Amino acid sequence: MRVELRLYATLRRFAPNAEGGALFVEMPEGASAADLIAKVKVDAGEVHILMVNGRSSPFVQRLAEGDRIGLFPAIGGG
């Protein structure tokens, strides 16, 4: 299955050649968001928010064809 992965802010460094931080990744059926993160070699410890199709999701979330996954780091401000 093919899913779309978008990396935001400092996580974009894990895919420097991805236009706009977007990657299209082929994953096996039954793969989880954690499997996707491992496949693209993003440091899971840096992922603070995981969104699947616009909803906050756990790393164990199973993915489906066409899912849109967004990874966000912790962001500080004040």
PDB file of N, CA and C in Angstrom:
ATOM      1  N   MET A   1       0.846  -1.179   0.000  1.00  0.00           N
ATOM      2  CA  MET A   1       0.000   0.000   0.000  1.00  0.00           C
ATOM      3  C   MET A   1       0.888   1.237   0.000  1.00  0.00           C
ATOM      4  N   ARG A   2       0.340   2.325  -0.488  1.00  0.00           N
ATOM      5  CA  ARG A   2       1.093   3.573  -0.569  1.00  0.00           C
ATOM      6  C   ARG A   2       0.470   4.583   0.386  1.00  0.00           C
ATOM      7  N   VAL A   3       1.319   5.217   1.206  1.00  0.00           N
ATOM      8  CA  VAL A   3       0.862   6.244   2.132  1.00  0.00           C
ATOM      9  C   VAL A   3       1.678   7.514   1.910  1.00  0.00           C
ATOM     10  N   GLU A   4       1.124   8.625   2.336  1.00  0.00           N
ATOM     11  CA  GLU A   4       1.818   9.904   2.244  1.00  0.00           C
ATOM     12  C   GLU A   4       2.310  10.292   3.628  1.00  0.00           C
ATOM     13  N   LEU A   5       3.579  10.606   3.720  1.00  0.00           N
ATOM     14  CA  LEU A   5       4.187  11.015   4.979  1.00  0.00           C
ATOM     15  C   LEU A   5       4.664  12.451   4.856  1.00  0.00           C
ATOM     16  N   ARG A   6       4.259  13.281   5.804  1.00  0.00           N
ATOM     17  CA  ARG A   6       4.723  14.670   5.837  1.00  0.00           C
ATOM     18  C   ARG A   6       5.488  14.899   7.132  1.00  0.00           C
ATOM     19  N   LEU A   7       6.661  15.455   6.976  1.00  0.00           N
ATOM     20  CA  LEU A   7       7.521  15.768   8.114  1.00  0.00           C
ATOM     21  C   LEU A   7       7.509  17.271   8.321  1.00  0.00           C
ATOM     22  N   TYR A   8       7.370  17.696   9.566  1.00  0.00           N
ATOM     23  CA  TYR A   8       7.259  19.118   9.867  1.00  0.00           C
ATOM     24  C   TYR A   8       8.417  19.603  10.725  1.00  0.00           C
ATOM     25  N   ALA A   9       8.697  20.888  10.562  1.00  0.00           N
ATOM     26  CA  ALA A   9       9.716  21.599  11.347  1.00  0.00           C
ATOM     27  C   ALA A   9      11.054  20.865  11.307  1.00  0.00           C
ATOM     28  N   THR A  10      11.642  20.618  12.452  1.00  0.00           N
ATOM     29  CA  THR A  10      12.989  20.024  12.501  1.00  0.00           C
ATOM     30  C   THR A  10      13.038  18.595  11.981  1.00  0.00           C
ATOM     31  N   LEU A  11      11.897  17.918  11.881  1.00  0.00           N
ATOM     32  CA  LEU A  11      11.891  16.541  11.367  1.00  0.00           C
ATOM     33  C   LEU A  11      12.144  16.486   9.863  1.00  0.00           C
ATOM     34  N   ARG A  12      12.021  17.605   9.184  1.00  0.00           N
ATOM     35  CA  ARG A  12      12.263  17.621   7.728  1.00  0.00           C
ATOM     36  C   ARG A  12      13.694  17.218   7.376  1.00  0.00           C
ATOM     37  N   ARG A  13      14.592  17.343   8.329  1.00  0.00           N
ATOM     38  CA  ARG A  13      15.984  16.980   8.041  1.00  0.00           C
ATOM     39  C   ARG A  13      16.144  15.486   7.748  1.00  0.00           C
ATOM     40  N   PHE A  14      15.163  14.675   8.137  1.00  0.00           N
ATOM     41  CA  PHE A  14      15.220  13.246   7.857  1.00  0.00           C
ATOM     42  C   PHE A  14      14.867  12.928   6.398  1.00  0.00           C
ATOM     43  N   ALA A  15      14.359  13.909   5.681  1.00  0.00           N
ATOM     44  CA  ALA A  15      14.023  13.736   4.265  1.00  0.00           C
ATOM     45  C   ALA A  15      14.356  15.020   3.518  1.00  0.00           C
ATOM     46  N   PRO A  16      15.638  15.356   3.440  1.00  0.00           N
ATOM     47  CA  PRO A  16      16.027  16.652   2.865  1.00  0.00           C
ATOM     48  C   PRO A  16      15.639  16.829   1.402  1.00  0.00           C
ATOM     49  N   ASN A  17      15.445  15.758   0.665  1.00  0.00           N
ATOM     50  CA  ASN A  17      15.099  15.866  -0.752  1.00  0.00           C
ATOM     51  C   ASN A  17      13.603  15.804  -1.012  1.00  0.00           C
ATOM     52  N   ALA A  18      12.810  15.668   0.039  1.00  0.00           N
ATOM     53  CA  ALA A  18      11.354  15.590  -0.120  1.00  0.00           C
ATOM     54  C   ALA A  18      10.798  16.993  -0.317  1.00  0.00           C
ATOM     55  N   GLU A  19      10.123  17.197  -1.418  1.00  0.00           N
ATOM     56  CA  GLU A  19       9.568  18.515  -1.720  1.00  0.00           C
ATOM     57  C   GLU A  19       8.481  18.863  -0.710  1.00  0.00           C
ATOM     58  N   GLY A  20       8.670  19.940   0.005  1.00  0.00           N
ATOM     59  CA  GLY A  20       7.691  20.351   1.012  1.00  0.00           C
ATOM     60  C   GLY A  20       7.616  19.412   2.193  1.00  0.00           C
ATOM     61  N   GLY A  21       8.615  18.563   2.347  1.00  0.00           N
ATOM     62  CA  GLY A  21       8.617  17.617   3.456  1.00  0.00           C
ATOM     63  C   GLY A  21       7.716  16.420   3.244  1.00  0.00           C
ATOM     64  N   ALA A  22       7.204  16.212   2.028  1.00  0.00           N
ATOM     65  CA  ALA A  22       6.282  15.099   1.753  1.00  0.00           C
ATOM     66  C   ALA A  22       6.995  13.944   1.062  1.00  0.00           C
ATOM     67  N   LEU A  23       6.694  12.750   1.533  1.00  0.00           N
ATOM     68  CA  LEU A  23       7.213  11.518   0.931  1.00  0.00           C
ATOM     69  C   LEU A  23       6.046  10.579   0.659  1.00  0.00           C
ATOM     70  N   PHE A  24       6.147   9.803  -0.400  1.00  0.00           N
ATOM     71  CA  PHE A  24       5.182   8.741  -0.655  1.00  0.00           C
ATOM     72  C   PHE A  24       5.929   7.440  -0.443  1.00  0.00           C
ATOM     73  N   VAL A  25       5.404   6.615   0.447  1.00  0.00           N
ATOM     74  CA  VAL A  25       6.126   5.429   0.896  1.00  0.00           C
ATOM     75  C   VAL A  25       5.267   4.185   0.676  1.00  0.00           C
ATOM     76  N   GLU A  26       5.877   3.148   0.113  1.00  0.00           N
ATOM     77  CA  GLU A  26       5.204   1.857  -0.036  1.00  0.00           C
ATOM     78  C   GLU A  26       5.405   1.064   1.251  1.00  0.00           C
ATOM     79  N   MET A  27       4.311   0.593   1.819  1.00  0.00           N
ATOM     80  CA  MET A  27       4.345  -0.177   3.062  1.00  0.00           C
ATOM     81  C   MET A  27       3.563  -1.469   2.872  1.00  0.00           C
ATOM     82  N   PRO A  28       3.938  -2.521   3.596  1.00  0.00           N
ATOM     83  CA  PRO A  28       3.170  -3.768   3.510  1.00  0.00           C
ATOM     84  C   PRO A  28       1.814  -3.629   4.213  1.00  0.00           C
ATOM     85  N   GLU A  29       0.854  -4.407   3.798  1.00  0.00           N
ATOM     86  CA  GLU A  29      -0.451  -4.416   4.459  1.00  0.00           C
ATOM     87  C   GLU A  29      -0.262  -4.743   5.939  1.00  0.00           C
ATOM     88  N   GLY A  30      -1.031  -4.066   6.781  1.00  0.00           N
ATOM     89  CA  GLY A  30      -0.959  -4.314   8.219  1.00  0.00           C
ATOM     90  C   GLY A  30       0.137  -3.538   8.931  1.00  0.00           C
ATOM     91  N   ALA A  31       0.892  -2.713   8.201  1.00  0.00           N
ATOM     92  CA  ALA A  31       1.972  -1.943   8.817  1.00  0.00           C
ATOM     93  C   ALA A  31       1.398  -0.875   9.744  1.00  0.00           C
ATOM     94  N   SER A  32       2.150  -0.573  10.787  1.00  0.00           N
ATOM     95  CA  SER A  32       1.746   0.461  11.737  1.00  0.00           C
ATOM     96  C   SER A  32       2.488   1.762  11.449  1.00  0.00           C
ATOM     97  N   ALA A  33       2.066   2.810  12.115  1.00  0.00           N
ATOM     98  CA  ALA A  33       2.769   4.087  11.996  1.00  0.00           C
ATOM     99  C   ALA A  33       4.208   3.938  12.487  1.00  0.00           C
ATOM    100  N   ALA A  34       4.420   3.154  13.529  1.00  0.00           N
ATOM    101  CA  ALA A  34       5.783   2.912  14.028  1.00  0.00           C
ATOM    102  C   ALA A  34       6.635   2.228  12.966  1.00  0.00           C
ATOM    103  N   ASP A  35       6.047   1.298  12.216  1.00  0.00           N
ATOM    104  CA  ASP A  35       6.783   0.635  11.126  1.00  0.00           C
ATOM    105  C   ASP A  35       7.206   1.654  10.071  1.00  0.00           C
ATOM    106  N   LEU A  36       6.319   2.585   9.759  1.00  0.00           N
ATOM    107  CA  LEU A  36       6.623   3.627   8.781  1.00  0.00           C
ATOM    108  C   LEU A  36       7.764   4.515   9.270  1.00  0.00           C
ATOM    109  N   ILE A  37       7.688   4.934  10.523  1.00  0.00           N
ATOM    110  CA  ILE A  37       8.731   5.784  11.098  1.00  0.00           C
ATOM    111  C   ILE A  37      10.082   5.088  11.037  1.00  0.00           C
ATOM    112  N   ALA A  38      10.106   3.804  11.353  1.00  0.00           N
ATOM    113  CA  ALA A  38      11.357   3.035  11.302  1.00  0.00           C
ATOM    114  C   ALA A  38      11.865   2.910   9.867  1.00  0.00           C
ATOM    115  N   LYS A  39      10.954   2.691   8.930  1.00  0.00           N
ATOM    116  CA  LYS A  39      11.361   2.500   7.538  1.00  0.00           C
ATOM    117  C   LYS A  39      12.053   3.731   6.976  1.00  0.00           C
ATOM    118  N   VAL A  40      11.557   4.906   7.308  1.00  0.00           N
ATOM    119  CA  VAL A  40      12.141   6.134   6.767  1.00  0.00           C
ATOM    120  C   VAL A  40      13.259   6.676   7.654  1.00  0.00           C
ATOM    121  N   LYS A  41      13.557   5.932   8.715  1.00  0.00           N
ATOM    122  CA  LYS A  41      14.688   6.240   9.609  1.00  0.00           C
ATOM    123  C   LYS A  41      14.563   7.587  10.326  1.00  0.00           C
ATOM    124  N   VAL A  42      13.332   7.906  10.723  1.00  0.00           N
ATOM    125  CA  VAL A  42      13.111   9.070  11.575  1.00  0.00           C
ATOM    126  C   VAL A  42      13.305   8.610  13.018  1.00  0.00           C
ATOM    127  N   ASP A  43      13.973   9.416  13.824  1.00  0.00           N
ATOM    128  CA  ASP A  43      14.172   9.100  15.239  1.00  0.00           C
ATOM    129  C   ASP A  43      12.830   9.235  15.957  1.00  0.00           C
ATOM    130  N   ALA A  44      12.234   8.113  16.339  1.00  0.00           N
ATOM    131  CA  ALA A  44      10.911   8.113  16.967  1.00  0.00           C
ATOM    132  C   ALA A  44      10.889   8.934  18.248  1.00  0.00           C
ATOM    133  N   GLY A  45      12.023   9.052  18.922  1.00  0.00           N
ATOM    134  CA  GLY A  45      12.095   9.843  20.136  1.00  0.00           C
ATOM    135  C   GLY A  45      11.889  11.330  19.901  1.00  0.00           C
ATOM    136  N   GLU A  46      12.034  11.766  18.668  1.00  0.00           N
ATOM    137  CA  GLU A  46      11.838  13.175  18.328  1.00  0.00           C
ATOM    138  C   GLU A  46      10.411  13.475  17.871  1.00  0.00           C
ATOM    139  N   VAL A  47       9.603  12.442  17.693  1.00  0.00           N
ATOM    140  CA  VAL A  47       8.224  12.638  17.239  1.00  0.00           C
ATOM    141  C   VAL A  47       7.342  12.884  18.456  1.00  0.00           C
ATOM    142  N   HIS A  48       6.776  14.078  18.533  1.00  0.00           N
ATOM    143  CA  HIS A  48       5.924  14.434  19.671  1.00  0.00           C
ATOM    144  C   HIS A  48       4.441  14.229  19.341  1.00  0.00           C
ATOM    145  N   ILE A  49       4.080  14.502  18.099  1.00  0.00           N
ATOM    146  CA  ILE A  49       2.688  14.341  17.665  1.00  0.00           C
ATOM    147  C   ILE A  49       2.666  13.546  16.369  1.00  0.00           C
ATOM    148  N   LEU A  50       1.794  12.554  16.315  1.00  0.00           N
ATOM    149  CA  LEU A  50       1.590  11.724  15.128  1.00  0.00           C
ATOM    150  C   LEU A  50       0.134  11.888  14.713  1.00  0.00           C
ATOM    151  N   MET A  51      -0.068  12.315  13.492  1.00  0.00           N
ATOM    152  CA  MET A  51      -1.425  12.488  12.967  1.00  0.00           C
ATOM    153  C   MET A  51      -1.633  11.526  11.795  1.00  0.00           C
ATOM    154  N   VAL A  52      -2.778  10.859  11.787  1.00  0.00           N
ATOM    155  CA  VAL A  52      -3.161  10.022  10.653  1.00  0.00           C
ATOM    156  C   VAL A  52      -4.490  10.557  10.151  1.00  0.00           C
ATOM    157  N   ASN A  53      -4.473  11.035   8.905  1.00  0.00           N
ATOM    158  CA  ASN A  53      -5.672  11.619   8.293  1.00  0.00           C
ATOM    159  C   ASN A  53      -6.270  12.731   9.148  1.00  0.00           C
ATOM    160  N   GLY A  54      -5.384  13.562   9.717  1.00  0.00           N
ATOM    161  CA  GLY A  54      -5.825  14.726  10.469  1.00  0.00           C
ATOM    162  C   GLY A  54      -6.224  14.472  11.904  1.00  0.00           C
ATOM    163  N   ARG A  55      -6.017  13.243  12.398  1.00  0.00           N
ATOM    164  CA  ARG A  55      -6.385  12.930  13.779  1.00  0.00           C
ATOM    165  C   ARG A  55      -5.173  12.423  14.541  1.00  0.00           C
ATOM    166  N   SER A  56      -5.048  12.881  15.767  1.00  0.00           N
ATOM    167  CA  SER A  56      -3.961  12.411  16.619  1.00  0.00           C
ATOM    168  C   SER A  56      -4.089  10.904  16.783  1.00  0.00           C
ATOM    169  N   SER A  57      -2.970  10.195  16.621  1.00  0.00           N
ATOM    170  CA  SER A  57      -2.997   8.728  16.634  1.00  0.00           C
ATOM    171  C   SER A  57      -1.808   8.180  17.407  1.00  0.00           C
ATOM    172  N   PRO A  58      -1.951   6.959  17.919  1.00  0.00           N
ATOM    173  CA  PRO A  58      -0.827   6.309  18.600  1.00  0.00           C
ATOM    174  C   PRO A  58       0.113   5.682  17.577  1.00  0.00           C
ATOM    175  N   PHE A  59       1.322   5.389  18.001  1.00  0.00           N
ATOM    176  CA  PHE A  59       2.310   4.782  17.115  1.00  0.00           C
ATOM    177  C   PHE A  59       1.870   3.394  16.630  1.00  0.00           C
ATOM    178  N   VAL A  60       0.993   2.732  17.371  1.00  0.00           N
ATOM    179  CA  VAL A  60       0.533   1.394  16.978  1.00  0.00           C
ATOM    180  C   VAL A  60      -0.594   1.437  15.949  1.00  0.00           C
ATOM    181  N   GLN A  61      -1.024   2.639  15.571  1.00  0.00           N
ATOM    182  CA  GLN A  61      -2.094   2.800  14.578  1.00  0.00           C
ATOM    183  C   GLN A  61      -1.755   2.036  13.304  1.00  0.00           C
ATOM    184  N   ARG A  62      -2.650   1.163  12.860  1.00  0.00           N
ATOM    185  CA  ARG A  62      -2.475   0.456  11.596  1.00  0.00           C
ATOM    186  C   ARG A  62      -2.808   1.404  10.458  1.00  0.00           C
ATOM    187  N   LEU A  63      -2.016   1.330   9.409  1.00  0.00           N
ATOM    188  CA  LEU A  63      -2.192   2.211   8.262  1.00  0.00           C
ATOM    189  C   LEU A  63      -2.977   1.527   7.162  1.00  0.00           C
ATOM    190  N   ALA A  64      -3.592   2.342   6.313  1.00  0.00           N
ATOM    191  CA  ALA A  64      -4.363   1.840   5.180  1.00  0.00           C
ATOM    192  C   ALA A  64      -3.933   2.593   3.922  1.00  0.00           C
ATOM    193  N   GLU A  65      -4.221   2.005   2.781  1.00  0.00           N
ATOM    194  CA  GLU A  65      -3.913   2.621   1.486  1.00  0.00           C
ATOM    195  C   GLU A  65      -4.394   4.069   1.459  1.00  0.00           C
ATOM    196  N   GLY A  66      -3.501   4.982   1.066  1.00  0.00           N
ATOM    197  CA  GLY A  66      -3.862   6.380   0.903  1.00  0.00           C
ATOM    198  C   GLY A  66      -3.850   7.218   2.164  1.00  0.00           C
ATOM    199  N   ASP A  67      -3.517   6.627   3.311  1.00  0.00           N
ATOM    200  CA  ASP A  67      -3.467   7.411   4.544  1.00  0.00           C
ATOM    201  C   ASP A  67      -2.454   8.541   4.417  1.00  0.00           C
ATOM    202  N   ARG A  68      -2.749   9.642   5.107  1.00  0.00           N
ATOM    203  CA  ARG A  68      -1.844  10.790   5.183  1.00  0.00           C
ATOM    204  C   ARG A  68      -1.342  10.890   6.613  1.00  0.00           C
ATOM    205  N   ILE A  69      -0.044  10.755   6.784  1.00  0.00           N
ATOM    206  CA  ILE A  69       0.558  10.749   8.107  1.00  0.00           C
ATOM    207  C   ILE A  69       1.407  12.012   8.266  1.00  0.00           C
ATOM    208  N   GLY A  70       1.244  12.679   9.379  1.00  0.00           N
ATOM    209  CA  GLY A  70       2.040  13.865   9.696  1.00  0.00           C
ATOM    210  C   GLY A  70       2.805  13.628  10.978  1.00  0.00           C
ATOM    211  N   LEU A  71       4.094  13.960  10.962  1.00  0.00           N
ATOM    212  CA  LEU A  71       4.942  13.828  12.145  1.00  0.00           C
ATOM    213  C   LEU A  71       5.412  15.211  12.563  1.00  0.00           C
ATOM    214  N   PHE A  72       5.245  15.519  13.837  1.00  0.00           N
ATOM    215  CA  PHE A  72       5.605  16.823  14.382  1.00  0.00           C
ATOM    216  C   PHE A  72       6.532  16.650  15.574  1.00  0.00           C
ATOM    217  N   PRO A  73       7.576  17.472  15.663  1.00  0.00           N
ATOM    218  CA  PRO A  73       8.427  17.448  16.840  1.00  0.00           C
ATOM    219  C   PRO A  73       7.804  18.280  17.962  1.00  0.00           C
ATOM    220  N   ALA A  74       8.383  18.195  19.154  1.00  0.00           N
ATOM    221  CA  ALA A  74       7.965  19.105  20.224  1.00  0.00           C
ATOM    222  C   ALA A  74       8.366  20.517  19.792  1.00  0.00           C
ATOM    223  N   ILE A  75       7.470  21.448  20.004  1.00  0.00           N
ATOM    224  CA  ILE A  75       7.736  22.821  19.593  1.00  0.00           C
ATOM    225  C   ILE A  75       7.599  23.710  20.819  1.00  0.00           C
ATOM    226  N   GLY A  76       8.611  24.495  21.072  1.00  0.00           N
ATOM    227  CA  GLY A  76       8.594  25.387  22.228  1.00  0.00           C
ATOM    228  C   GLY A  76       8.324  26.809  21.794  1.00  0.00           C
ATOM    229  N   GLY A  77       7.984  27.591  22.729  1.00  0.00           N
ATOM    230  CA  GLY A  77       7.743  28.994  22.448  1.00  0.00           C
ATOM    231  C   GLY A  77       7.388  29.709  23.735  1.00  0.00           C
ATOM    232  N   GLY A  78       7.137  30.951  23.601  1.00  0.00           N
ATOM    233  CA  GLY A  78       6.791  31.637  24.832  1.00  0.00           C
ATOM    234  C   GLY A  78       6.577  33.073  24.689  1.00  0.00           C
TER     235      GLY A  78
END
